[in-house]
Protein backbone atom coordinates (compact mmCIF):
# COMPACT_ATOMS: atom_id res chain seq x y z
CA MET A 1 28.36 32.78 58.52
CA LEU A 2 25.74 30.42 59.61
CA THR A 3 23.49 31.84 62.37
CA PRO A 4 21.20 29.58 64.32
CA GLU A 5 18.89 32.55 65.01
CA THR A 6 18.09 32.91 61.26
CA ASP A 7 18.63 29.30 60.05
CA SER A 8 16.20 26.91 61.67
CA GLN A 9 17.62 23.87 59.80
CA PHE A 10 20.99 24.52 61.20
CA ALA A 11 19.71 25.01 64.69
CA GLU A 12 17.74 21.75 64.54
CA THR A 13 20.78 19.86 63.22
CA CYS A 14 22.78 21.08 66.13
CA ARG A 15 20.10 20.09 68.57
CA GLU A 16 20.02 16.55 67.14
CA GLU A 17 23.77 16.48 67.54
CA GLY A 18 23.65 17.73 71.10
CA ILE A 19 25.98 20.61 70.42
CA ASN A 20 25.75 24.33 71.01
CA PRO A 21 24.58 26.11 67.77
CA ALA A 22 26.80 29.15 68.39
CA GLU A 23 29.86 27.05 68.95
CA ALA A 24 29.00 24.91 65.86
CA ALA A 25 28.65 28.05 63.81
CA ARG A 26 32.11 29.16 64.93
CA SER A 27 33.52 25.72 64.01
CA VAL A 28 32.01 25.88 60.55
CA ALA A 29 33.51 29.37 60.12
CA ASN A 30 36.96 28.24 61.11
CA GLY A 31 36.86 25.03 59.06
CA THR A 32 36.83 22.33 61.75
CA MET A 33 33.24 21.47 60.86
CA VAL A 34 31.12 21.48 57.66
CA PHE A 35 27.41 21.88 57.15
CA LEU A 36 26.26 19.73 54.27
CA ARG A 37 23.34 21.63 52.65
CA SER A 38 23.50 23.33 49.33
CA GLU A 39 21.28 26.25 48.31
CA ALA A 40 19.18 23.92 46.25
CA SER A 41 18.59 21.65 49.25
CA LYS A 42 17.32 24.45 51.57
CA HIS A 43 13.94 24.43 49.86
CA MET A 44 13.40 20.62 49.62
CA GLU A 45 10.87 19.03 51.90
CA ASN A 46 12.23 16.16 54.13
CA PHE A 47 15.84 17.05 53.54
CA LYS A 48 18.12 16.28 56.47
CA PRO A 49 21.24 18.50 56.57
CA LEU A 50 24.35 17.09 58.16
CA LEU A 51 27.10 18.41 60.39
CA VAL A 52 30.50 16.59 59.98
CA GLY A 53 33.63 17.36 62.04
CA THR A 54 35.15 17.53 65.41
CA GLY A 55 32.40 17.19 68.16
CA THR A 56 29.80 15.61 65.98
CA ARG A 57 28.91 12.02 65.88
CA PRO A 58 30.75 9.94 63.24
CA LYS A 59 28.89 9.69 59.84
CA ILE A 60 28.55 7.14 57.09
CA SER A 61 28.60 8.09 53.36
CA GLY A 62 27.15 5.45 51.04
CA LEU A 63 29.05 5.09 47.87
CA ILE A 64 27.05 4.53 44.67
CA GLY A 65 27.56 4.94 40.93
CA LEU A 66 27.68 3.64 37.46
CA GLY A 67 30.82 2.12 36.04
CA PRO A 68 32.35 3.09 32.69
CA ARG A 69 30.18 0.56 30.76
CA ASP A 70 26.91 0.92 32.85
CA THR A 71 24.25 3.16 31.36
CA ASP A 72 21.04 2.05 33.21
CA ARG A 73 20.83 4.84 35.77
CA HIS A 74 17.23 3.78 36.53
CA ALA A 75 18.66 0.51 37.95
CA ILE A 76 20.26 2.53 40.70
CA VAL A 77 17.31 4.81 41.26
CA ASP A 78 14.93 1.91 41.48
CA THR A 79 17.07 0.19 44.11
CA MET A 80 18.00 3.20 46.24
CA SER A 81 15.26 2.25 48.76
CA VAL A 82 17.42 -0.67 49.71
CA ILE A 83 20.40 1.54 50.39
CA LEU A 84 18.41 4.29 52.12
CA ALA A 85 16.84 1.63 54.44
CA ALA A 86 20.36 1.05 55.84
CA ARG A 87 20.39 4.70 56.96
CA PRO A 88 23.45 6.30 55.36
CA ASP A 89 24.01 9.85 56.57
CA ALA A 90 24.99 11.03 53.15
CA VAL A 91 25.48 9.46 49.66
CA MET A 92 28.40 10.03 47.14
CA ASP A 93 27.89 9.38 43.49
CA LEU A 94 31.01 8.09 41.85
CA THR A 95 29.68 7.46 38.34
CA THR A 96 32.47 7.33 35.79
CA ASN A 97 30.33 7.97 32.55
CA PRO A 98 28.25 10.76 31.13
CA GLU A 99 25.13 9.35 32.86
CA GLY A 100 26.28 10.85 36.01
CA VAL A 101 24.59 14.21 35.73
CA ALA A 102 21.25 12.73 34.85
CA LEU A 103 21.54 10.15 37.60
CA ARG A 104 22.10 12.83 40.23
CA THR A 105 19.01 14.73 38.89
CA ASP A 106 16.98 11.55 39.53
CA LEU A 107 18.49 10.86 42.89
CA LYS A 108 18.11 14.41 44.30
CA GLU A 109 14.31 13.93 44.11
CA ILE A 110 14.29 10.83 46.40
CA MET A 111 17.55 11.15 48.49
CA GLY A 112 16.55 13.12 51.69
CA VAL A 113 20.15 13.21 52.77
CA PRO A 114 23.08 15.23 51.46
CA LEU A 115 24.26 14.09 48.01
CA GLY A 116 27.84 14.30 46.74
CA ALA A 117 29.36 13.89 43.32
CA CYS A 118 32.85 13.44 41.93
CA LEU A 119 33.15 16.06 39.16
CA THR A 120 36.77 14.95 38.44
CA TYR A 121 35.22 12.03 36.48
CA ASP A 122 32.79 14.45 34.65
CA LEU A 123 35.60 16.73 33.59
CA PHE A 124 38.68 14.61 32.77
CA THR A 125 37.48 11.42 31.01
CA ASP A 126 38.46 12.94 27.56
CA PRO A 127 42.16 13.90 27.95
CA ARG A 128 42.84 14.76 24.39
CA ARG A 129 40.50 17.71 24.35
CA ARG A 130 41.91 20.81 25.89
CA MET A 131 39.35 22.79 27.88
CA SER A 132 39.38 26.70 27.99
CA ARG A 133 38.82 28.26 31.44
CA ALA A 134 35.26 29.29 30.28
CA GLU A 135 34.43 25.76 29.18
CA PHE A 136 35.99 24.19 32.23
CA LEU A 137 34.02 26.37 34.68
CA GLU A 138 30.86 25.97 32.66
CA ARG A 139 31.16 22.20 32.78
CA PHE A 140 32.02 22.40 36.54
CA GLU A 141 28.87 24.31 37.31
CA ALA A 142 26.66 22.10 35.18
CA GLY A 143 27.86 19.24 37.41
CA LEU A 144 26.46 21.10 40.44
CA ALA A 145 23.19 22.10 38.89
CA THR A 146 21.47 18.90 40.00
CA GLY A 147 21.61 20.26 43.50
CA VAL A 148 24.52 18.31 44.99
CA ASP A 149 25.60 19.31 48.53
CA TYR A 150 29.29 18.44 48.37
CA VAL A 151 31.61 17.95 45.40
CA LEU A 152 34.60 15.72 45.29
CA VAL A 153 37.56 17.05 43.22
CA HIS A 154 41.19 15.88 43.18
CA MET A 155 43.46 18.91 43.59
CA GLY A 156 46.36 17.21 45.22
CA ILE A 157 48.49 16.63 42.21
CA THR A 158 50.67 18.93 40.14
CA PRO A 159 53.25 18.16 37.43
CA ALA A 160 56.01 18.19 40.09
CA ILE A 161 54.13 15.69 42.24
CA SER A 162 53.37 13.54 39.17
CA GLU A 163 57.14 13.39 38.51
CA ALA A 164 57.76 12.44 42.17
CA MET A 165 55.07 9.69 41.80
CA LYS A 166 57.04 8.17 38.97
CA LYS A 167 60.21 8.00 41.15
CA SER A 168 58.42 6.82 44.20
CA THR A 169 59.37 3.65 45.99
CA ARG A 170 55.69 2.84 46.61
CA ILE A 171 54.33 -0.51 45.46
CA VAL A 172 51.21 1.17 44.05
CA PRO A 173 51.75 4.72 42.73
CA THR A 174 48.11 5.73 43.14
CA THR A 175 44.73 4.03 43.78
CA SER A 176 42.81 7.12 42.86
CA ARG A 177 40.76 7.12 39.60
CA GLY A 178 40.54 10.90 39.79
CA GLY A 179 44.17 11.33 40.29
CA GLY A 180 45.03 9.07 37.44
CA LEU A 181 42.75 11.02 35.07
CA ILE A 182 44.22 14.29 35.94
CA ASP A 183 47.76 12.97 35.72
CA ARG A 184 46.98 11.70 32.22
CA TYR A 185 45.29 15.13 31.23
CA MET A 186 48.31 17.08 32.44
CA ARG A 187 50.79 14.78 30.57
CA ILE A 188 48.90 14.92 27.29
CA GLN A 189 48.04 18.66 27.44
CA HIS A 190 51.39 19.73 29.03
CA CYS A 191 49.60 21.80 31.51
CA ASP A 192 48.94 22.40 35.29
CA ASN A 193 46.11 20.78 37.20
CA PRO A 194 43.08 22.81 35.93
CA LEU A 195 41.34 22.37 39.27
CA ILE A 196 44.21 24.48 40.82
CA GLU A 197 44.56 26.78 37.84
CA HIS A 198 40.92 27.78 37.93
CA LEU A 199 40.45 27.59 41.66
CA ASP A 200 39.15 31.16 41.97
CA GLY A 201 36.22 30.33 39.54
CA ILE A 202 35.45 27.11 41.39
CA ILE A 203 35.38 29.03 44.74
CA GLU A 204 32.94 31.58 43.29
CA ILE A 205 30.62 28.85 42.01
CA CYS A 206 30.65 26.82 45.21
CA ARG A 207 30.09 29.91 47.30
CA ARG A 208 27.10 30.98 45.25
CA ARG A 209 25.65 27.56 45.34
CA GLU A 210 26.62 26.84 49.01
CA VAL A 211 28.30 23.59 48.07
CA VAL A 212 31.02 22.10 50.19
CA LEU A 213 34.34 21.40 48.43
CA ASP A 214 35.60 17.92 49.13
CA LEU A 215 39.24 17.60 48.52
CA GLY A 216 39.85 13.97 47.36
CA ASP A 217 43.13 12.37 48.19
CA ILE A 218 45.14 10.90 45.38
CA PHE A 219 47.95 9.39 47.45
CA ARG A 220 46.14 7.34 50.08
CA SER A 221 48.12 4.15 50.42
CA ALA A 222 46.82 1.37 48.24
CA CYS A 223 48.43 -1.38 50.33
CA THR A 224 49.54 -1.51 53.95
CA ALA A 225 53.20 -1.65 52.94
CA ASP A 226 52.91 1.81 51.53
CA ALA A 227 51.40 3.51 54.54
CA ALA A 228 54.46 4.41 56.55
CA ASN A 229 57.14 6.95 55.73
CA ASP A 230 55.45 7.99 52.53
CA GLU A 231 56.76 11.36 51.20
CA LEU A 232 54.37 11.30 48.29
CA LYS A 233 51.43 11.46 50.64
CA TRP A 234 53.01 14.34 52.63
CA MET A 235 53.69 16.32 49.46
CA GLU A 236 49.96 16.07 48.63
CA LEU A 237 48.92 16.99 52.22
CA ARG A 238 51.06 20.09 52.19
CA LEU A 239 49.50 21.24 48.91
CA LEU A 240 45.93 20.48 50.04
CA ALA A 241 46.52 22.40 53.33
CA GLN A 242 47.46 25.46 51.27
CA LEU A 243 44.51 25.07 48.93
CA ARG A 244 42.15 24.60 51.84
CA ALA A 245 43.25 27.80 53.40
CA GLU A 246 42.57 29.63 50.14
CA ILE A 247 39.18 28.06 49.79
CA LEU A 248 38.20 28.96 53.32
CA ARG A 249 39.32 32.54 52.73
CA GLY A 250 36.98 32.53 49.73
CA GLY A 251 33.95 31.68 51.91
CA VAL A 252 33.56 28.00 50.93
CA GLN A 253 33.54 25.06 53.37
CA VAL A 254 36.07 22.28 52.96
CA LEU A 255 35.91 18.56 53.71
CA CYS A 256 38.99 16.45 53.19
CA GLU A 257 39.31 12.77 52.19
CA SER A 258 41.88 10.30 53.32
CA GLY A 259 42.10 6.64 54.36
CA GLY A 260 43.35 3.95 52.15
CA HIS A 261 45.17 0.93 53.51
CA ILE A 262 46.72 1.50 56.88
CA PRO A 263 47.79 -1.30 59.27
CA LEU A 264 46.07 -1.13 62.69
CA HIS A 265 49.18 -0.14 64.66
CA LEU A 266 49.80 2.93 62.41
CA ILE A 267 46.24 4.42 62.58
CA PRO A 268 46.84 6.22 66.01
CA GLU A 269 49.90 7.89 64.39
CA LEU A 270 48.76 8.67 60.90
CA ILE A 271 45.17 9.72 61.21
CA PRO A 272 45.83 12.51 63.75
CA ALA A 273 48.89 13.60 61.80
CA TYR A 274 46.78 13.85 58.59
CA LYS A 275 44.12 15.91 60.41
CA GLU A 276 46.67 18.18 61.92
CA ALA A 277 48.45 18.77 58.63
CA LEU A 278 45.06 19.80 57.21
CA GLY A 279 44.39 22.28 59.88
CA GLY A 280 41.77 20.25 61.72
CA ALA A 281 39.56 19.89 58.66
CA PRO A 282 36.73 17.44 58.89
CA LEU A 283 38.15 14.07 57.68
CA TRP A 284 36.27 11.48 55.74
CA LEU A 285 37.87 8.20 55.19
CA ALA A 286 37.75 5.39 52.68
CA GLY A 287 38.72 2.71 55.07
CA PRO A 288 41.31 2.61 56.73
CA MET A 289 41.64 -0.91 55.34
CA VAL A 290 43.77 -2.66 58.02
CA ILE A 291 44.77 -5.69 55.97
CA ASP A 292 45.16 -6.22 52.19
CA ASN A 293 44.10 -9.79 51.56
CA ALA A 294 40.58 -10.20 52.97
CA VAL A 295 39.18 -10.64 49.41
CA THR A 296 35.30 -10.96 49.70
CA LEU A 297 35.35 -9.77 53.26
CA ASP A 298 36.43 -6.07 52.87
CA GLN A 299 33.31 -4.85 54.59
CA VAL A 300 34.66 -6.47 57.76
CA VAL A 301 38.11 -4.86 57.20
CA ASN A 302 36.42 -1.48 56.78
CA THR A 303 34.62 -1.96 60.02
CA LEU A 304 37.74 -2.59 61.91
CA GLY A 305 39.33 0.52 60.32
CA ILE A 306 36.35 2.68 61.33
CA LEU A 307 36.60 1.39 64.98
CA ALA A 308 40.25 2.43 65.05
CA ALA A 309 40.15 5.62 63.00
CA GLY A 310 37.01 6.86 64.69
CA GLN A 311 38.95 7.24 67.93
CA TRP A 312 41.75 9.12 66.24
CA GLY A 313 40.14 11.83 64.17
CA GLY A 314 37.95 10.24 61.51
CA ASP A 315 34.66 12.20 61.11
CA MET A 316 32.89 10.42 58.23
CA PHE A 317 33.38 6.98 56.68
CA ALA A 318 32.75 5.40 53.29
CA SER A 319 30.72 2.23 52.81
CA ILE A 320 33.30 -0.22 51.59
CA THR A 321 31.68 -3.46 50.25
CA HIS A 322 32.83 -7.07 50.39
CA ASN A 323 33.82 -6.84 46.68
CA GLU A 324 35.64 -3.51 46.94
CA HIS A 325 38.70 -4.50 44.96
CA TYR A 326 37.17 -6.48 42.14
CA ALA A 327 33.49 -5.75 41.24
CA MET A 328 30.84 -3.12 41.15
CA PRO A 329 28.65 -3.47 44.19
CA THR A 330 24.88 -4.11 44.05
CA ALA A 331 22.41 -2.10 46.20
CA PRO A 332 22.28 -4.95 48.77
CA ASP A 333 26.14 -5.04 48.93
CA THR A 334 26.15 -1.31 49.62
CA ALA A 335 23.35 -1.61 52.27
CA GLU A 336 25.22 -4.41 54.00
CA ALA A 337 28.46 -2.18 54.08
CA ILE A 338 26.54 0.71 55.56
CA ARG A 339 25.04 -1.58 58.26
CA PHE A 340 28.47 -2.89 59.16
CA ALA A 341 29.69 0.67 59.42
CA ARG A 342 26.73 1.61 61.64
CA VAL A 343 27.72 -1.15 64.04
CA ALA A 344 31.26 0.36 64.34
CA ILE A 345 29.86 3.88 64.79
CA THR A 346 27.51 2.72 67.54
CA ALA A 347 30.42 1.05 69.37
CA LEU A 348 32.27 4.33 69.12
CA GLU A 349 29.47 6.30 70.55
CA LEU A 350 29.10 3.89 73.45
CA ALA A 351 32.92 4.06 74.13
CA ARG A 352 32.65 7.92 74.16
CA GLY A 353 29.94 7.61 76.80
CA LYS A 354 27.08 9.09 74.85
CA GLU A 355 24.10 8.99 77.23
CA SER A 356 21.51 7.94 74.71
CA GLU A 357 23.67 5.11 73.52
CA THR A 358 24.57 3.96 77.05
CA THR A 359 20.89 4.02 77.92
CA ARG A 360 19.92 2.01 74.82
CA GLN A 361 22.53 -0.65 75.32
CA ARG A 362 21.50 -1.08 78.99
CA ALA A 363 17.92 -1.36 77.99
CA MET A 364 18.86 -4.10 75.47
CA GLY A 365 20.57 -6.06 78.23
CA GLN A 366 17.37 -5.82 80.36
CA SER A 367 15.24 -6.94 77.42
CA ARG A 368 17.51 -9.88 76.88
CA ARG A 369 17.29 -10.80 80.62
CA ARG A 370 13.49 -11.00 80.27
CA ASN A 371 13.52 -12.71 76.89
CA SER A 372 11.45 -9.91 75.51
CA TRP A 373 11.83 -10.31 71.81
CA ALA A 374 9.46 -7.44 70.99
CA GLU A 375 11.62 -4.96 73.03
CA GLN A 376 14.82 -6.36 71.60
CA ALA A 377 13.56 -5.76 68.11
CA GLU A 378 12.49 -2.17 68.96
CA LEU A 379 15.97 -1.38 70.42
CA ALA A 380 17.91 -3.16 67.69
CA LEU A 381 20.01 -1.06 65.28
CA TYR A 382 17.66 -2.29 62.47
CA PRO A 383 14.37 -3.22 64.01
CA ASP A 384 12.92 -4.57 60.78
CA LEU A 385 15.88 -7.07 60.43
CA ALA A 386 15.53 -8.06 64.15
CA ASP A 387 11.69 -8.60 63.76
CA GLN A 388 12.22 -10.79 60.72
CA ALA A 389 14.74 -12.97 62.43
CA PHE A 390 12.70 -13.42 65.60
CA ILE A 391 9.54 -14.25 63.64
CA ARG A 392 11.51 -16.70 61.40
CA GLU A 393 12.74 -18.62 64.60
CA GLY A 394 9.20 -18.52 66.14
CA LEU A 395 10.27 -16.69 69.31
CA LYS A 396 7.68 -15.63 71.76
CA ASP A 397 7.98 -13.08 74.53
CA GLY A 398 9.11 -14.63 77.81
CA ALA A 399 10.27 -17.87 76.13
CA PRO A 400 13.91 -18.80 75.53
CA CYS A 401 15.69 -18.72 72.19
CA THR A 402 16.46 -21.88 70.23
CA ILE A 403 20.09 -22.08 71.35
CA CYS A 404 19.58 -23.11 74.96
CA GLY A 405 15.88 -23.98 74.99
CA LYS A 406 14.81 -25.42 78.40
CA TYR A 407 18.34 -24.98 79.64
CA CYS A 408 18.16 -21.24 79.18
CA PRO A 409 20.09 -19.56 82.11
CA LEU A 410 17.76 -16.41 81.81
CA VAL A 411 14.92 -18.71 82.85
CA ILE A 412 16.49 -21.13 85.39
CA VAL A 413 18.81 -18.60 87.21
CA HIS A 414 17.43 -15.58 89.05
CA LYS A 415 18.48 -13.38 91.88
CA ASP A 416 16.89 -13.47 95.31
CA ASP A 417 14.92 -10.27 94.72
CA GLU A 418 13.90 -11.17 91.22
CA LYS A 419 10.73 -12.89 89.99
CA PRO A 420 11.18 -15.84 87.51
CA VAL A 421 11.33 -14.67 83.98
CA THR A 422 8.02 -15.01 82.29
CA ALA A 423 6.16 -13.15 79.59
CA SER A 424 4.11 -11.42 82.28
CA ALA A 425 7.31 -10.07 83.83
CA VAL A 426 8.13 -8.01 80.81
CA GLN A 427 7.80 -4.28 81.60
CA PRO A 428 7.85 -1.49 79.13
CA LEU A 429 11.16 0.35 78.72
CA PRO A 430 11.72 4.07 78.25
CA VAL A 431 11.33 5.32 74.66
CA ILE A 432 14.80 5.81 73.05
CA ASP A 433 15.46 7.70 69.82
CA ARG A 434 17.32 5.29 67.64
CA GLU A 435 18.35 8.09 65.31
CA ASP A 436 20.02 10.07 68.07
């Protein structure tokens, strides 16, 4: 069990979250919170561990990776600074070709935040080659050797659930690459899901390396019409709940994935139900995507889903880009998606009454009242972007913006006890930690 007395990184992470370290340690032990930091990350300089779960601030996981035909891993490494500047709390590599292991080795040196990987893609892309237990576990551990902090695997499918999928009334049977790969492997090899069959070995490896197991969901709804009354999803949830309990007993932390396409009015019903079915496990969500047809605007749809699901049990959210359903995103695409998600999470923190966020927003209002562009940039979610915008427009402290000009109500209207707004009226504001 994590102990704040002997683990200074854990204690510091709790302090930054504003939660009691002893209570957080109990939450990690009972599975309602996870601490993302592998054994390999403990000894890295400038690594920032992460707490995810009930009672913590919502987090953003940036999604990156190489597609099946992409082999230039240096293209991702060279552009990671663009993504990291958007401040993801964690990063998940979803590479679907053999370059994944080498890519994660390169990324680990520069990341500074928890790094996840989907080992389902590493293990099941060649379905015609039957793996022995020894080979399977050897390849599984090789995928963790790069120092990843959490590992995404798709355990929520068995031959019986696969048969149910074929008979389902769903429009889209599954939107999960990992689930599709395992389904194909089981059919060709006439076997059970190896991730379940060899679970004891997986637990031993993850416990030794202090890696969090991330249970990917195969049957998240792929369109809003599939979200309600979906027995296939509940079959998966019941299976994952059983596996989660076994993994926790084995001394390994568990994160659970969900999300998909869920219309706005069903989020208050379904997200808490998913979390309850999974025993209160920390829930990280791809979406929810609240409409299906916002092609080229899916980063906006994701933002709306975060705002809704963040109020009903979502703990970490994926960076869904504008081209989610039709093209591999670029680094700027992913950075934009992270920034959109950061807006939603900031709104959630303000709605929850977090003192630092309330203070920051009030200070922003005061800065706007005084036309203090320097202060507004400092208080902005992304100060560099605000600075660039204000400089580009030629804005000067105390002077109005270019929308109203000389008709600016901040200049021509003032209260009886208030001096006219001028540059000299600008007063320094309290220092606020933007990362809080």
